[in-house]
């Protein structure tokens, strides 16, 4: 996708009803990118514990978090510190949002200190202001380290509790697609993908066309949906409608590449000077209906963007899944599932001390009978009652007799002692 497709040369509106907040280093970089490219009728804010990062940002509204706590030096990869920093300066964030803000996007890179810890605090404050709150976050690939990945997953779960809807972008997928690019270009691609996600949702509302999707439609579909997935695709030439739709379904933004089972789809079809036809619109809707299932409700709009020239752009947002569509959140849910564990009893009979899960060949059970009245030891086999096995094949018990029995485990442990004692008695 060409980068200039994101450039509308519009003056960002800082009093807009829609605002984008970049939290931490990753979120701040993405918002810096969006600010330079421009998204129609959207205001931008950056929040960070790192004073130097804020000083280098082109975004006019910059809020330092934890000014006294971190003294501008960052959160040191500690989400707990990032959380406390956000709490310290949350009033400054609320002051920017409390008037005339209907919708907030929170972007953050999960896994570090500020983004992971502060983003959920800011999301919670937005919800308390009754603002439609959408989070777009990235999670690291496993190659970035297990600790960072685990911190990211915990951060995603925390922010999920405080937003209306959440989009998780997996850096592993970005690495798969752009792994051969130089690092600086790959990071720019990650910023572009975050910008595409925010732009795709915001401009469904802010860009007007022949058939519009308004804020009420977006609010109905995304309020309380918890998780959404989206994709954007571009195509031109013959069969461009279906090609753009397939490209949207293969987007890096679609973590699982599967919209089957969604309840609602917001669909925006945009074209340039080569205007989309009613036939192409029909092809796109029919194709998505098949992919999503007959129960999916598709709300669509049609807009114009001169930057597209002969291209067509298809943006879809799917919500209301019965099963979590995010592979990352599926993994978290699996990690949280209860696991049956083996617990060792604190008080056990000797025969119970052998764990039942150890497979071994049991010798033919041999019982030792002690006559407590004469202190004589008799080895018995045939004359004993036939041992009775319980349902666990590794445990062997004999029927109770009047005299005390010592089982096979005990004999194995102390056999030499008994033999020596027996010889003395003889």
Foldseek 3Di string as FASTA:
>chain_A
DDPLVLAPVDQEDLLALEEEEQKEDLRQVLQLSCNVRDFPRYAYEYEFCAPVSQVPRPHPHYHHFQCVPSVRHGFAQAQVSLQNRLVVPVVVVCVSNLPNHAAYEYEYEAQGHNRLNNRLVNLQSCVVSVHQYEYEYEAEDCVVDPNSRVRRLVSLVSSLVRHLEYFYFYVVLLCVVCVPDPPVVSSVVVSSLSSCVVSLLVCLARFDAPFGDHPVNVCVFRGNLSYKFKFKAKAFDPPQLVRRLQRRLVHSSQQQSAQAQFAEKEKEKEAAPQADDPVSVVVNVVVVCVRHDVNHHYDYDYGYDNVRPRMMMMMMMTTDGPDDRHPSVVVVVVVPDDDDDDDDDPDDDLLPPPDLVDDDDDDDWWKWFADPVVRAIDTDDVVFADWDDDPRNSGIGRDDDPTDIDTPSVCVVCVVVVVVVNVVVD
